[in-house]
Protein backbone atom coordinates (compact mmCIF):
# COMPACT_ATOMS: atom_id res chain seq x y z
CA MET A 1 -13.82 3.75 104.79
CA LYS A 2 -10.69 1.80 104.05
CA TYR A 3 -10.47 -1.86 105.15
CA THR A 4 -7.50 -3.99 106.12
CA ARG A 5 -7.46 -7.74 105.55
CA ILE A 6 -6.28 -9.87 108.47
CA THR A 7 -5.97 -13.56 109.19
CA LEU A 8 -7.80 -14.46 112.44
CA ARG A 9 -7.45 -17.58 114.48
CA ILE A 10 -10.32 -18.22 116.82
CA PRO A 11 -11.49 -21.28 118.83
CA GLU A 12 -13.89 -23.49 116.85
CA PRO A 13 -16.78 -23.12 119.34
CA LEU A 14 -16.55 -19.28 118.99
CA HIS A 15 -16.44 -19.65 115.22
CA ASP A 16 -19.56 -21.78 115.41
CA LYS A 17 -21.41 -19.21 117.50
CA LEU A 18 -20.44 -16.33 115.25
CA SER A 19 -21.42 -18.34 112.20
CA ARG A 20 -24.83 -19.10 113.68
CA GLU A 21 -25.45 -15.43 114.66
CA ALA A 22 -24.31 -14.19 111.23
CA GLU A 23 -26.78 -16.55 109.62
CA VAL A 24 -29.67 -15.53 111.99
CA SER A 25 -29.09 -11.87 111.32
CA SER A 26 -28.46 -12.36 107.61
CA LYS A 27 -24.94 -10.97 107.77
CA SER A 28 -21.65 -12.17 106.47
CA MET A 29 -19.24 -13.60 109.02
CA ASN A 30 -17.07 -10.54 108.55
CA ALA A 31 -19.97 -8.11 109.16
CA GLU A 32 -20.89 -10.03 112.30
CA ILE A 33 -17.40 -9.84 113.74
CA VAL A 34 -16.88 -6.20 112.81
CA GLY A 35 -20.27 -5.22 114.32
CA ARG A 36 -19.46 -6.99 117.55
CA LEU A 37 -16.06 -5.42 117.76
CA GLN A 38 -17.54 -1.95 117.16
CA GLN A 39 -20.16 -2.58 119.91
CA THR A 40 -17.42 -3.36 122.44
CA PHE A 41 -15.71 -0.01 121.77
CA GLN A 42 -18.99 1.87 121.90
CA ALA A 43 -19.77 0.22 125.23
CA GLU A 44 -16.34 1.12 126.54
CA GLU A 45 -16.82 4.73 125.48
CA ALA A 46 -20.28 4.92 127.04
CA GLY A 47 -18.84 3.46 130.26
CA ALA A 48 -16.09 5.94 130.32
CA GLU A 49 -18.65 8.77 129.86
CA CYS A 50 -20.81 7.42 132.71
CA ASN A 51 -17.78 7.16 134.97
CA GLN A 52 -16.87 10.75 134.11
CA LEU A 53 -20.39 11.93 134.78
CA ARG A 54 -20.48 10.04 138.00
CA GLY A 55 -17.40 11.84 139.15
CA PHE A 56 -19.24 15.16 138.69
CA GLY A 57 -22.66 14.13 139.89
CA GLY A 58 -21.91 11.47 142.54
CA LEU A 59 -22.84 11.76 146.18
CA GLU A 60 -19.34 12.80 147.28
CA SER A 61 -19.18 15.51 144.69
CA THR A 62 -22.63 16.77 145.73
CA ARG A 63 -21.49 16.94 149.39
CA TYR A 64 -18.37 18.71 148.40
CA TYR A 65 -20.18 21.38 146.48
CA GLN A 66 -22.86 21.75 149.18
CA LYS A 67 -20.16 22.27 151.78
CA SER A 68 -18.28 24.79 149.55
CA HIS A 69 -21.66 26.65 149.05
CA GLU A 70 -22.25 26.79 152.76
CA ASN A 71 -18.76 28.09 153.50
CA LEU A 72 -19.07 30.75 150.83
CA GLN A 73 -22.46 31.78 152.19
CA ALA A 74 -21.06 32.01 155.78
CA LYS A 75 -18.25 34.27 154.58
CA LEU A 76 -20.63 36.40 152.61
CA ASP A 77 -22.85 36.78 155.62
CA GLU A 78 -19.79 37.85 157.71
CA VAL A 79 -18.86 40.49 155.15
CA LEU A 80 -22.43 41.87 155.00
CA LYS A 81 -22.59 42.01 158.82
CA LEU A 82 -19.34 43.97 158.96
CA LEU A 83 -20.53 46.38 156.30
CA LYS A 84 -23.82 46.94 158.07
CA ASN A 85 -21.94 47.55 161.34
CA LYS A 86 -19.91 50.24 159.60
CA ASN A 87 -23.13 51.74 158.16
CA THR A 88 -21.85 51.52 154.61
CA ILE A 89 -24.91 49.66 153.33
């Protein structure tokens, strides 16, 4: 993996928090910041996946597919009834 060097200005209280967390987890300040940034992207991706799944599996979607199934079943029943009436089955 290739790295890029940047200069970062952050508020002093945030620097203090990051410094303490890096020390507690035995990481460098850089590793702490990179790890936290990566976690935010992973969380966003997971959230996007959940939203996508929610769209396919949500209550509204379930009702839509149930209604579609009922309509299709009703049409199939009509066709079968017509065919039976014509003695083709």
